[in-house]
Amino acid sequence: MVPPASSVILAGGASRRMGRDKAFLDFGGRPLIACVADQVRQVGREVIVAGGAGDGLARYAPFADRCVPDAYPGVGTLGGIHAGLQVARHDLALVVACDMPFLNSELLAWFVAAADGWDLVVLQHEQGVEPLHAVYRKTCLPSIEATILSGERCAFAFYDQIRVRFVNPDEIAHLDPGLSSFRNLNTPQDWYQALQQASAPGRNGGPPAP
């Protein structure tokens, strides 16, 4: 059984390499953030867009139940996670980025269900961890805030202060063998390749093969 959870989408980043707000990249005729919101809404009881300055948040309002600015602006991922988790109505919050085109609602639900007894559920693979496809419990808030106030900006610097459930890729291979769900778009080339993948029959994000 999947426990109640909020969904937090991090947006408002600088997007320097992309050159434009990644949330509004066209993906199948829709803003990318709309596709992300569709997937997380199947799992979370509410959708929150977090991050950035208050003046720019209005543009995300059509895709969320509420939008919140960073309480600690300019600190990157940790600031967005903190902002979303702080206002979430549920003890658990599923946190993703606005530029993840191949999210899988079944996998997202698996992560939420795996949070029983843990403060954080996060994928760990050969390249590291994936803090923006993870489930956080509100018990993380004191450690996240202390980390921010210490001047640390690393998104996983507080892990040694909480109970972390590290997920092995083999555990989720039946839902996402290629880990496409964790893919994000940083450059125009990433966007182009994702559009190609999405339109390929039978590929993750594309129509089923005949």
N, C-alpha and C. Protein backbone atom coordinates (compact mmCIF):
# COMPACT_ATOMS: atom_id res chain seq x y z
N MET A 1 0.84 -1.20 0.00
CA MET A 1 0.00 0.00 0.00
C MET A 1 0.87 1.25 0.00
N VAL A 2 0.52 2.22 -0.83
CA VAL A 2 1.29 3.45 -0.93
C VAL A 2 0.73 4.46 0.08
N PRO A 3 1.55 4.93 1.02
CA PRO A 3 1.07 5.89 2.02
C PRO A 3 0.83 7.27 1.39
N PRO A 4 0.06 8.12 2.08
CA PRO A 4 -0.17 9.47 1.55
C PRO A 4 1.14 10.24 1.44
N ALA A 5 1.27 11.01 0.39
CA ALA A 5 2.49 11.79 0.17
C ALA A 5 2.16 13.04 -0.61
N SER A 6 2.96 14.06 -0.42
CA SER A 6 2.92 15.24 -1.27
C SER A 6 3.91 15.06 -2.40
N SER A 7 3.74 15.81 -3.46
CA SER A 7 4.70 15.80 -4.57
C SER A 7 5.28 17.20 -4.72
N VAL A 8 6.59 17.26 -4.80
CA VAL A 8 7.28 18.55 -4.93
C VAL A 8 8.08 18.54 -6.23
N ILE A 9 7.84 19.54 -7.06
CA ILE A 9 8.59 19.71 -8.30
C ILE A 9 9.51 20.91 -8.13
N LEU A 10 10.81 20.71 -8.28
CA LEU A 10 11.76 21.81 -8.17
C LEU A 10 11.90 22.51 -9.51
N ALA A 11 11.73 23.83 -9.48
CA ALA A 11 11.83 24.65 -10.68
C ALA A 11 12.56 25.94 -10.33
N GLY A 12 12.66 26.81 -11.30
CA GLY A 12 13.23 28.12 -11.02
C GLY A 12 14.74 28.20 -11.07
N GLY A 13 15.41 27.16 -11.55
CA GLY A 13 16.87 27.19 -11.64
C GLY A 13 17.36 28.13 -12.74
N ALA A 14 18.66 28.34 -12.77
CA ALA A 14 19.23 29.28 -13.73
C ALA A 14 19.16 28.78 -15.17
N SER A 15 19.23 27.46 -15.38
CA SER A 15 19.17 26.86 -16.73
C SER A 15 20.18 27.49 -17.68
N ARG A 16 21.39 27.72 -17.20
CA ARG A 16 22.39 28.41 -18.02
C ARG A 16 22.78 27.63 -19.27
N ARG A 17 22.95 26.32 -19.12
CA ARG A 17 23.37 25.53 -20.29
C ARG A 17 22.24 25.35 -21.30
N MET A 18 20.99 25.33 -20.82
CA MET A 18 19.86 25.21 -21.73
C MET A 18 19.56 26.54 -22.39
N GLY A 19 19.76 27.63 -21.67
CA GLY A 19 19.52 28.95 -22.23
C GLY A 19 18.10 29.43 -22.11
N ARG A 20 17.25 28.67 -21.43
CA ARG A 20 15.85 29.05 -21.24
C ARG A 20 15.30 28.23 -20.07
N ASP A 21 14.13 28.60 -19.58
CA ASP A 21 13.52 27.89 -18.46
C ASP A 21 13.15 26.48 -18.91
N LYS A 22 13.79 25.48 -18.32
CA LYS A 22 13.58 24.09 -18.74
C LYS A 22 12.15 23.63 -18.49
N ALA A 23 11.47 24.23 -17.52
CA ALA A 23 10.10 23.82 -17.21
C ALA A 23 9.17 24.02 -18.40
N PHE A 24 9.50 24.96 -19.29
CA PHE A 24 8.61 25.28 -20.40
C PHE A 24 9.13 24.81 -21.76
N LEU A 25 10.08 23.89 -21.74
CA LEU A 25 10.47 23.25 -22.99
C LEU A 25 9.27 22.52 -23.57
N ASP A 26 9.12 22.62 -24.88
CA ASP A 26 8.01 21.91 -25.53
C ASP A 26 8.31 20.41 -25.55
N PHE A 27 7.39 19.63 -25.03
CA PHE A 27 7.57 18.18 -25.03
C PHE A 27 6.24 17.53 -25.43
N GLY A 28 6.17 17.13 -26.68
CA GLY A 28 4.92 16.56 -27.19
C GLY A 28 3.80 17.57 -27.26
N GLY A 29 4.16 18.83 -27.51
CA GLY A 29 3.15 19.86 -27.63
C GLY A 29 2.71 20.47 -26.31
N ARG A 30 3.37 20.11 -25.23
CA ARG A 30 3.01 20.63 -23.91
C ARG A 30 4.27 21.10 -23.19
N PRO A 31 4.14 22.01 -22.23
CA PRO A 31 5.31 22.36 -21.42
C PRO A 31 5.80 21.13 -20.65
N LEU A 32 7.10 20.97 -20.55
CA LEU A 32 7.65 19.80 -19.88
C LEU A 32 7.13 19.68 -18.45
N ILE A 33 6.97 20.80 -17.75
CA ILE A 33 6.50 20.73 -16.37
C ILE A 33 5.09 20.15 -16.28
N ALA A 34 4.29 20.33 -17.32
CA ALA A 34 2.95 19.74 -17.33
C ALA A 34 3.04 18.22 -17.37
N CYS A 35 3.99 17.69 -18.14
CA CYS A 35 4.18 16.23 -18.21
C CYS A 35 4.66 15.69 -16.87
N VAL A 36 5.58 16.42 -16.23
CA VAL A 36 6.08 16.02 -14.92
C VAL A 36 4.94 16.03 -13.90
N ALA A 37 4.14 17.09 -13.90
CA ALA A 37 3.03 17.19 -12.95
C ALA A 37 2.03 16.06 -13.13
N ASP A 38 1.76 15.66 -14.37
CA ASP A 38 0.84 14.55 -14.62
C ASP A 38 1.30 13.28 -13.93
N GLN A 39 2.59 13.00 -14.00
CA GLN A 39 3.12 11.77 -13.41
C GLN A 39 3.11 11.80 -11.89
N VAL A 40 3.56 12.90 -11.30
CA VAL A 40 3.61 12.95 -9.83
C VAL A 40 2.23 13.05 -9.23
N ARG A 41 1.27 13.62 -9.95
CA ARG A 41 -0.08 13.74 -9.42
C ARG A 41 -0.75 12.38 -9.28
N GLN A 42 -0.29 11.39 -10.00
CA GLN A 42 -0.84 10.04 -9.86
C GLN A 42 -0.41 9.39 -8.55
N VAL A 43 0.58 9.97 -7.90
CA VAL A 43 1.14 9.39 -6.67
C VAL A 43 0.89 10.30 -5.47
N GLY A 44 1.21 11.58 -5.61
CA GLY A 44 1.10 12.53 -4.51
C GLY A 44 -0.30 13.10 -4.38
N ARG A 45 -0.72 13.39 -3.15
CA ARG A 45 -2.04 13.95 -2.89
C ARG A 45 -2.12 15.43 -3.22
N GLU A 46 -0.99 16.10 -3.31
CA GLU A 46 -0.93 17.51 -3.71
C GLU A 46 0.34 17.70 -4.52
N VAL A 47 0.34 18.70 -5.38
CA VAL A 47 1.52 19.02 -6.18
C VAL A 47 1.98 20.42 -5.82
N ILE A 48 3.24 20.51 -5.42
CA ILE A 48 3.86 21.77 -5.03
C ILE A 48 5.00 22.06 -6.00
N VAL A 49 5.07 23.28 -6.50
CA VAL A 49 6.25 23.71 -7.24
C VAL A 49 7.06 24.59 -6.30
N ALA A 50 8.32 24.26 -6.12
CA ALA A 50 9.18 24.97 -5.18
C ALA A 50 10.43 25.48 -5.88
N GLY A 51 10.90 26.60 -5.42
CA GLY A 51 12.17 27.10 -5.92
C GLY A 51 12.07 28.45 -6.58
N GLY A 52 13.16 29.16 -6.57
CA GLY A 52 13.22 30.44 -7.23
C GLY A 52 12.65 31.57 -6.40
N ALA A 53 12.58 32.74 -7.01
CA ALA A 53 12.08 33.93 -6.32
C ALA A 53 10.56 34.01 -6.42
N GLY A 54 9.96 34.68 -5.47
CA GLY A 54 8.51 34.77 -5.41
C GLY A 54 7.89 35.39 -6.64
N ASP A 55 8.55 36.40 -7.23
CA ASP A 55 7.97 37.11 -8.36
C ASP A 55 7.80 36.22 -9.59
N GLY A 56 8.64 35.20 -9.71
CA GLY A 56 8.59 34.36 -10.90
C GLY A 56 7.74 33.11 -10.75
N LEU A 57 7.19 32.89 -9.57
CA LEU A 57 6.47 31.64 -9.31
C LEU A 57 5.12 31.57 -10.00
N ALA A 58 4.54 32.70 -10.32
CA ALA A 58 3.18 32.71 -10.87
C ALA A 58 3.09 31.90 -12.16
N ARG A 59 4.17 31.85 -12.92
CA ARG A 59 4.13 31.13 -14.20
C ARG A 59 3.96 29.63 -14.02
N TYR A 60 4.26 29.12 -12.81
CA TYR A 60 4.11 27.69 -12.57
C TYR A 60 2.74 27.33 -11.99
N ALA A 61 1.95 28.32 -11.64
CA ALA A 61 0.69 28.08 -10.93
C ALA A 61 -0.28 27.14 -11.67
N PRO A 62 -0.36 27.17 -13.01
CA PRO A 62 -1.30 26.27 -13.68
C PRO A 62 -0.98 24.78 -13.52
N PHE A 63 0.22 24.47 -13.05
CA PHE A 63 0.64 23.07 -13.00
C PHE A 63 0.70 22.53 -11.57
N ALA A 64 0.27 23.31 -10.60
CA ALA A 64 0.45 22.89 -9.20
C ALA A 64 -0.73 23.36 -8.35
N ASP A 65 -0.86 22.73 -7.19
CA ASP A 65 -1.85 23.17 -6.22
C ASP A 65 -1.35 24.40 -5.47
N ARG A 66 -0.04 24.51 -5.34
CA ARG A 66 0.56 25.67 -4.69
C ARG A 66 2.00 25.82 -5.14
N CYS A 67 2.49 27.05 -5.10
CA CYS A 67 3.87 27.35 -5.46
C CYS A 67 4.53 28.09 -4.29
N VAL A 68 5.75 27.70 -3.96
CA VAL A 68 6.42 28.32 -2.82
C VAL A 68 7.83 28.74 -3.21
N PRO A 69 8.27 29.92 -2.76
CA PRO A 69 9.64 30.36 -3.02
C PRO A 69 10.60 29.72 -2.03
N ASP A 70 11.86 29.78 -2.34
CA ASP A 70 12.89 29.30 -1.41
C ASP A 70 12.93 30.19 -0.18
N ALA A 71 12.95 29.56 1.00
CA ALA A 71 13.18 30.32 2.23
C ALA A 71 14.64 30.77 2.30
N TYR A 72 15.51 30.00 1.65
CA TYR A 72 16.94 30.32 1.59
C TYR A 72 17.33 30.43 0.11
N PRO A 73 17.11 31.59 -0.49
CA PRO A 73 17.40 31.75 -1.93
C PRO A 73 18.89 31.59 -2.23
N GLY A 74 19.15 31.09 -3.43
CA GLY A 74 20.52 31.04 -3.91
C GLY A 74 21.35 29.88 -3.40
N VAL A 75 20.71 28.88 -2.78
CA VAL A 75 21.50 27.75 -2.27
C VAL A 75 21.26 26.48 -3.08
N GLY A 76 20.56 26.62 -4.21
CA GLY A 76 20.42 25.48 -5.11
C GLY A 76 19.41 24.44 -4.66
N THR A 77 19.74 23.20 -4.96
CA THR A 77 18.82 22.08 -4.74
C THR A 77 18.34 21.98 -3.29
N LEU A 78 19.23 22.14 -2.34
CA LEU A 78 18.84 22.05 -0.94
C LEU A 78 17.77 23.07 -0.58
N GLY A 79 17.87 24.27 -1.14
CA GLY A 79 16.88 25.30 -0.86
C GLY A 79 15.50 24.92 -1.38
N GLY A 80 15.44 24.32 -2.57
CA GLY A 80 14.17 23.90 -3.12
C GLY A 80 13.56 22.75 -2.35
N ILE A 81 14.38 21.77 -1.98
CA ILE A 81 13.88 20.64 -1.19
C ILE A 81 13.33 21.14 0.14
N HIS A 82 14.07 22.02 0.78
CA HIS A 82 13.64 22.58 2.06
C HIS A 82 12.31 23.32 1.92
N ALA A 83 12.18 24.15 0.89
CA ALA A 83 10.97 24.94 0.69
C ALA A 83 9.75 24.04 0.49
N GLY A 84 9.89 23.03 -0.37
CA GLY A 84 8.77 22.15 -0.64
C GLY A 84 8.39 21.29 0.55
N LEU A 85 9.39 20.75 1.21
CA LEU A 85 9.15 19.87 2.35
C LEU A 85 8.52 20.64 3.51
N GLN A 86 8.91 21.88 3.66
CA GLN A 86 8.42 22.69 4.77
C GLN A 86 6.91 22.93 4.68
N VAL A 87 6.38 23.08 3.48
CA VAL A 87 4.95 23.40 3.33
C VAL A 87 4.11 22.17 2.99
N ALA A 88 4.74 21.04 2.74
CA ALA A 88 4.00 19.84 2.36
C ALA A 88 2.99 19.45 3.45
N ARG A 89 1.81 19.06 3.03
CA ARG A 89 0.75 18.71 3.99
C ARG A 89 0.95 17.31 4.56
N HIS A 90 1.73 16.50 3.89
CA HIS A 90 1.94 15.13 4.32
C HIS A 90 3.36 14.94 4.86
N ASP A 91 3.53 13.91 5.66
CA ASP A 91 4.83 13.65 6.27
C ASP A 91 5.87 13.25 5.23
N LEU A 92 5.43 12.60 4.17
CA LEU A 92 6.32 12.20 3.08
C LEU A 92 6.14 13.12 1.88
N ALA A 93 7.26 13.41 1.22
CA ALA A 93 7.21 14.22 0.01
C ALA A 93 8.07 13.60 -1.07
N LEU A 94 7.46 13.35 -2.19
CA LEU A 94 8.16 12.88 -3.38
C LEU A 94 8.74 14.10 -4.07
N VAL A 95 10.06 14.15 -4.25
CA VAL A 95 10.72 15.32 -4.82
C VAL A 95 11.35 14.96 -6.16
N VAL A 96 10.98 15.71 -7.20
CA VAL A 96 11.54 15.52 -8.53
C VAL A 96 11.91 16.88 -9.11
N ALA A 97 12.63 16.86 -10.23
CA ALA A 97 12.97 18.10 -10.93
C ALA A 97 11.99 18.34 -12.07
N CYS A 98 11.91 19.59 -12.50
CA CYS A 98 10.95 19.96 -13.54
C CYS A 98 11.39 19.52 -14.93
N ASP A 99 12.61 18.99 -15.05
CA ASP A 99 13.16 18.68 -16.38
C ASP A 99 13.39 17.18 -16.55
N MET A 100 12.47 16.38 -16.01
CA MET A 100 12.60 14.92 -16.08
C MET A 100 11.47 14.36 -16.95
N PRO A 101 11.70 14.16 -18.24
CA PRO A 101 10.61 13.83 -19.16
C PRO A 101 10.09 12.40 -19.07
N PHE A 102 10.86 11.49 -18.46
CA PHE A 102 10.47 10.09 -18.50
C PHE A 102 10.12 9.52 -17.13
N LEU A 103 9.52 10.34 -16.29
CA LEU A 103 9.06 9.85 -15.00
C LEU A 103 8.04 8.75 -15.18
N ASN A 104 8.03 7.84 -14.23
CA ASN A 104 7.19 6.64 -14.29
C ASN A 104 6.39 6.59 -12.99
N SER A 105 5.07 6.76 -13.09
CA SER A 105 4.26 6.84 -11.88
C SER A 105 4.35 5.56 -11.04
N GLU A 106 4.52 4.41 -11.68
CA GLU A 106 4.65 3.16 -10.92
C GLU A 106 5.94 3.16 -10.10
N LEU A 107 7.01 3.65 -10.69
CA LEU A 107 8.28 3.72 -9.97
C LEU A 107 8.21 4.76 -8.85
N LEU A 108 7.57 5.88 -9.11
CA LEU A 108 7.41 6.90 -8.08
C LEU A 108 6.63 6.33 -6.89
N ALA A 109 5.58 5.57 -7.17
CA ALA A 109 4.81 4.95 -6.09
C ALA A 109 5.66 3.94 -5.33
N TRP A 110 6.52 3.22 -6.03
CA TRP A 110 7.42 2.25 -5.37
C TRP A 110 8.31 2.97 -4.37
N PHE A 111 8.85 4.13 -4.76
CA PHE A 111 9.71 4.89 -3.86
C PHE A 111 8.96 5.34 -2.61
N VAL A 112 7.73 5.80 -2.79
CA VAL A 112 6.94 6.24 -1.63
C VAL A 112 6.67 5.07 -0.70
N ALA A 113 6.30 3.93 -1.27
CA ALA A 113 6.01 2.75 -0.45
C ALA A 113 7.25 2.27 0.29
N ALA A 114 8.42 2.49 -0.28
CA ALA A 114 9.67 2.02 0.33
C ALA A 114 10.12 2.90 1.49
N ALA A 115 9.41 4.00 1.75
CA ALA A 115 9.86 4.96 2.77
C ALA A 115 9.50 4.55 4.20
N ASP A 116 8.75 3.48 4.36
CA ASP A 116 8.35 3.07 5.70
C ASP A 116 9.59 2.82 6.57
N GLY A 117 9.71 3.57 7.67
CA GLY A 117 10.84 3.41 8.57
C GLY A 117 12.09 4.19 8.19
N TRP A 118 12.01 5.01 7.15
CA TRP A 118 13.18 5.76 6.67
C TRP A 118 12.86 7.24 6.55
N ASP A 119 13.90 8.07 6.66
CA ASP A 119 13.75 9.50 6.45
C ASP A 119 13.88 9.88 4.98
N LEU A 120 14.61 9.08 4.24
CA LEU A 120 14.89 9.38 2.84
C LEU A 120 15.06 8.08 2.07
N VAL A 121 14.46 8.03 0.88
CA VAL A 121 14.65 6.91 -0.04
C VAL A 121 15.24 7.49 -1.32
N VAL A 122 16.43 7.01 -1.72
CA VAL A 122 17.13 7.61 -2.85
C VAL A 122 17.91 6.53 -3.61
N LEU A 123 17.93 6.65 -4.93
CA LEU A 123 18.70 5.72 -5.75
C LEU A 123 20.19 5.99 -5.61
N GLN A 124 20.96 4.91 -5.48
CA GLN A 124 22.42 5.01 -5.50
C GLN A 124 22.94 4.08 -6.59
N HIS A 125 23.74 4.64 -7.50
CA HIS A 125 24.32 3.84 -8.58
C HIS A 125 25.79 4.20 -8.73
N GLU A 126 26.42 3.72 -9.79
CA GLU A 126 27.86 3.91 -9.95
C GLU A 126 28.26 5.38 -10.02
N GLN A 127 27.35 6.23 -10.53
CA GLN A 127 27.69 7.65 -10.68
C GLN A 127 27.37 8.47 -9.43
N GLY A 128 26.71 7.86 -8.46
CA GLY A 128 26.37 8.59 -7.24
C GLY A 128 24.93 8.36 -6.83
N VAL A 129 24.30 9.41 -6.29
CA VAL A 129 22.91 9.31 -5.85
C VAL A 129 22.05 10.27 -6.67
N GLU A 130 20.73 10.08 -6.60
CA GLU A 130 19.79 10.88 -7.37
C GLU A 130 18.83 11.61 -6.41
N PRO A 131 19.25 12.75 -5.85
CA PRO A 131 18.43 13.44 -4.85
C PRO A 131 17.16 14.07 -5.38
N LEU A 132 17.04 14.18 -6.71
CA LEU A 132 15.84 14.77 -7.29
C LEU A 132 14.95 13.74 -7.96
N HIS A 133 15.00 12.54 -7.47
CA HIS A 133 14.00 11.51 -7.74
C HIS A 133 14.01 10.67 -6.47
N ALA A 134 13.48 11.26 -5.41
CA ALA A 134 13.63 10.67 -4.08
C ALA A 134 12.43 11.03 -3.21
N VAL A 135 12.29 10.32 -2.11
CA VAL A 135 11.22 10.58 -1.15
C VAL A 135 11.83 11.02 0.17
N TYR A 136 11.40 12.17 0.65
CA TYR A 136 11.91 12.76 1.88
C TYR A 136 10.80 12.79 2.94
N ARG A 137 11.16 12.51 4.17
CA ARG A 137 10.23 12.66 5.29
C ARG A 137 10.52 14.01 5.95
N LYS A 138 9.50 14.58 6.57
CA LYS A 138 9.67 15.89 7.21
C LYS A 138 10.75 15.88 8.30
N THR A 139 11.08 14.70 8.79
CA THR A 139 12.15 14.60 9.78
C THR A 139 13.51 15.04 9.22
N CYS A 140 13.60 15.18 7.90
CA CYS A 140 14.84 15.66 7.28
C CYS A 140 15.03 17.16 7.46
N LEU A 141 13.97 17.89 7.73
CA LEU A 141 14.04 19.34 7.72
C LEU A 141 15.12 19.94 8.63
N PRO A 142 15.22 19.52 9.90
CA PRO A 142 16.26 20.12 10.75
C PRO A 142 17.67 19.92 10.19
N SER A 143 17.94 18.74 9.66
CA SER A 143 19.27 18.46 9.12
C SER A 143 19.53 19.26 7.84
N ILE A 144 18.51 19.39 6.99
CA ILE A 144 18.67 20.18 5.77
C ILE A 144 18.93 21.64 6.12
N GLU A 145 18.15 22.16 7.05
CA GLU A 145 18.31 23.57 7.42
C GLU A 145 19.68 23.82 8.05
N ALA A 146 20.11 22.92 8.92
CA ALA A 146 21.43 23.07 9.55
C ALA A 146 22.54 23.02 8.50
N THR A 147 22.37 22.17 7.51
CA THR A 147 23.36 22.07 6.44
C THR A 147 23.43 23.36 5.64
N ILE A 148 22.27 23.92 5.30
CA ILE A 148 22.23 25.20 4.58
C ILE A 148 22.90 26.30 5.40
N LEU A 149 22.56 26.38 6.67
CA LEU A 149 23.10 27.44 7.52
C LEU A 149 24.61 27.30 7.75
N SER A 150 25.10 26.08 7.58
CA SER A 150 26.55 25.86 7.74
C SER A 150 27.33 26.35 6.52
N GLY A 151 26.61 26.65 5.44
CA GLY A 151 27.26 27.09 4.22
C GLY A 151 27.48 25.99 3.21
N GLU A 152 27.11 24.76 3.56
CA GLU A 152 27.25 23.62 2.66
C GLU A 152 26.13 23.65 1.62
N ARG A 153 26.46 23.34 0.37
CA ARG A 153 25.46 23.35 -0.70
C ARG A 153 25.24 21.98 -1.32
N CYS A 154 26.02 21.00 -0.95
CA CYS A 154 25.90 19.67 -1.51
C CYS A 154 24.55 19.06 -1.12
N ALA A 155 23.81 18.54 -2.08
CA ALA A 155 22.45 18.05 -1.83
C ALA A 155 22.40 16.81 -0.96
N PHE A 156 23.54 16.12 -0.78
CA PHE A 156 23.52 14.93 0.06
C PHE A 156 24.45 15.05 1.27
N ALA A 157 24.81 16.28 1.62
CA ALA A 157 25.74 16.49 2.73
C ALA A 157 25.14 16.12 4.08
N PHE A 158 23.82 16.06 4.18
CA PHE A 158 23.16 15.79 5.46
C PHE A 158 22.79 14.32 5.64
N TYR A 159 23.14 13.47 4.69
CA TYR A 159 22.69 12.08 4.73
C TYR A 159 23.18 11.33 5.96
N ASP A 160 24.35 11.72 6.46
CA ASP A 160 24.88 11.00 7.62
C ASP A 160 24.15 11.35 8.92
N GLN A 161 23.21 12.28 8.84
CA GLN A 161 22.45 12.69 10.02
C GLN A 161 21.05 12.08 10.07
N ILE A 162 20.67 11.33 9.04
CA ILE A 162 19.32 10.78 8.95
C ILE A 162 19.37 9.30 8.56
N ARG A 163 18.19 8.69 8.54
CA ARG A 163 18.08 7.28 8.15
C ARG A 163 17.80 7.22 6.64
N VAL A 164 18.77 6.73 5.90
CA VAL A 164 18.67 6.73 4.44
C VAL A 164 18.49 5.31 3.92
N ARG A 165 17.50 5.12 3.08
CA ARG A 165 17.29 3.85 2.37
C ARG A 165 17.87 4.03 0.97
N PHE A 166 19.08 3.49 0.74
CA PHE A 166 19.71 3.57 -0.57
C PHE A 166 19.16 2.45 -1.46
N VAL A 167 18.60 2.83 -2.58
CA VAL A 167 17.99 1.88 -3.52
C VAL A 167 19.03 1.46 -4.54
N ASN A 168 19.16 0.15 -4.75
CA ASN A 168 20.05 -0.40 -5.76
C ASN A 168 19.31 -0.48 -7.10
N PRO A 169 19.96 -0.17 -8.22
CA PRO A 169 19.28 -0.26 -9.52
C PRO A 169 18.62 -1.61 -9.77
N ASP A 170 19.20 -2.69 -9.25
CA ASP A 170 18.61 -4.01 -9.46
C ASP A 170 17.21 -4.13 -8.84
N GLU A 171 16.98 -3.38 -7.77
CA GLU A 171 15.68 -3.45 -7.09
C GLU A 171 14.55 -2.89 -7.94
N ILE A 172 14.88 -1.99 -8.84
CA ILE A 172 13.84 -1.33 -9.62
C ILE A 172 13.94 -1.66 -11.10
N ALA A 173 14.75 -2.64 -11.43
CA ALA A 173 14.97 -3.01 -12.84
C ALA A 173 13.67 -3.46 -13.51
N HIS A 174 12.76 -4.04 -12.74
CA HIS A 174 11.50 -4.50 -13.32
C HIS A 174 10.60 -3.33 -13.73
N LEU A 175 10.85 -2.14 -13.17
CA LEU A 175 10.07 -0.96 -13.51
C LEU A 175 10.79 0.00 -14.44
N ASP A 176 12.12 0.04 -14.33
CA ASP A 176 12.90 0.97 -15.15
C ASP A 176 14.30 0.40 -15.35
N PRO A 177 14.46 -0.57 -16.23
CA PRO A 177 15.77 -1.23 -16.40
C PRO A 177 16.87 -0.29 -16.88
N GLY A 178 16.51 0.73 -17.65
CA GLY A 178 17.53 1.64 -18.17
C GLY A 178 17.70 2.91 -17.35
N LEU A 179 16.96 3.02 -16.24
CA LEU A 179 16.99 4.20 -15.37
C LEU A 179 16.64 5.49 -16.13
N SER A 180 15.75 5.36 -17.12
CA SER A 180 15.32 6.55 -17.87
C SER A 180 14.59 7.56 -17.00
N SER A 181 13.92 7.08 -15.96
CA SER A 181 13.16 7.98 -15.09
C SER A 181 14.04 9.04 -14.44
N PHE A 182 15.30 8.73 -14.27
CA PHE A 182 16.21 9.63 -13.55
C PHE A 182 16.91 10.62 -14.48
N ARG A 183 16.61 10.53 -15.75
CA ARG A 183 17.25 11.39 -16.73
C ARG A 183 16.69 12.81 -16.66
N ASN A 184 17.56 13.80 -16.70
CA ASN A 184 17.10 15.18 -16.77
C ASN A 184 17.77 15.87 -17.96
N LEU A 185 17.28 17.05 -18.29
CA LEU A 185 17.72 17.74 -19.49
C LEU A 185 18.51 18.99 -19.11
N ASN A 186 19.78 19.02 -19.48
CA ASN A 186 20.63 20.15 -19.13
C ASN A 186 21.00 21.02 -20.33
N THR A 187 21.01 20.43 -21.51
CA THR A 187 21.46 21.15 -22.70
C THR A 187 20.45 20.98 -23.83
N PRO A 188 20.52 21.84 -24.87
CA PRO A 188 19.65 21.64 -26.04
C PRO A 188 19.81 20.25 -26.66
N GLN A 189 21.02 19.71 -26.63
CA GLN A 189 21.24 18.36 -27.17
C GLN A 189 20.48 17.31 -26.35
N ASP A 190 20.48 17.46 -25.03
CA ASP A 190 19.70 16.56 -24.18
C ASP A 190 18.22 16.60 -24.57
N TRP A 191 17.72 17.79 -24.80
CA TRP A 191 16.31 17.98 -25.16
C TRP A 191 16.02 17.30 -26.51
N TYR A 192 16.88 17.52 -27.48
CA TYR A 192 16.70 16.92 -28.80
C TYR A 192 16.69 15.39 -28.70
N GLN A 193 17.61 14.84 -27.95
CA GLN A 193 17.68 13.38 -27.80
C GLN A 193 16.44 12.83 -27.08
N ALA A 194 15.95 13.57 -26.09
CA ALA A 194 14.76 13.12 -25.37
C ALA A 194 13.54 13.14 -26.28
N LEU A 195 13.45 14.14 -27.14
CA LEU A 195 12.33 14.19 -28.08
C LEU A 195 12.38 13.00 -29.04
N GLN A 196 13.59 12.66 -29.48
CA GLN A 196 13.73 11.49 -30.35
C GLN A 196 13.31 10.22 -29.63
N GLN A 197 13.73 10.07 -28.38
CA GLN A 197 13.38 8.88 -27.61
C GLN A 197 11.88 8.80 -27.38
N ALA A 198 11.27 9.94 -27.09
CA ALA A 198 9.84 9.96 -26.80
C ALA A 198 9.00 9.57 -28.00
N SER A 199 9.51 9.85 -29.19
CA SER A 199 8.74 9.56 -30.41
C SER A 199 9.04 8.18 -30.99
N ALA A 200 9.99 7.46 -30.40
CA ALA A 200 10.35 6.14 -30.92
C ALA A 200 9.35 5.10 -30.43
N PRO A 201 8.71 4.33 -31.31
CA PRO A 201 7.75 3.31 -30.89
C PRO A 201 8.38 2.32 -29.92
N GLY A 202 7.64 2.07 -28.83
CA GLY A 202 8.08 1.06 -27.87
C GLY A 202 9.13 1.55 -26.89
N ARG A 203 9.61 2.79 -27.04
CA ARG A 203 10.60 3.32 -26.11
C ARG A 203 9.90 3.97 -24.94
N ASN A 204 10.61 4.12 -23.83
CA ASN A 204 10.05 4.77 -22.65
C ASN A 204 9.63 6.19 -23.02
N GLY A 205 8.35 6.49 -22.85
CA GLY A 205 7.84 7.80 -23.21
C GLY A 205 7.20 7.84 -24.57
N GLY A 206 7.37 6.84 -25.39
CA GLY A 206 6.79 6.81 -26.70
C GLY A 206 5.59 5.90 -26.76
N PRO A 207 4.89 5.88 -27.90
CA PRO A 207 3.74 4.99 -28.05
C PRO A 207 4.19 3.55 -28.09
N PRO A 208 3.30 2.62 -27.74
CA PRO A 208 3.69 1.21 -27.75
C PRO A 208 4.00 0.70 -29.14
N ALA A 209 4.89 -0.23 -29.22
CA ALA A 209 5.23 -0.82 -30.51
C ALA A 209 4.05 -1.63 -31.03
N PRO A 210 3.85 -1.67 -32.33
CA PRO A 210 2.73 -2.44 -32.91
C PRO A 210 2.90 -3.92 -32.67
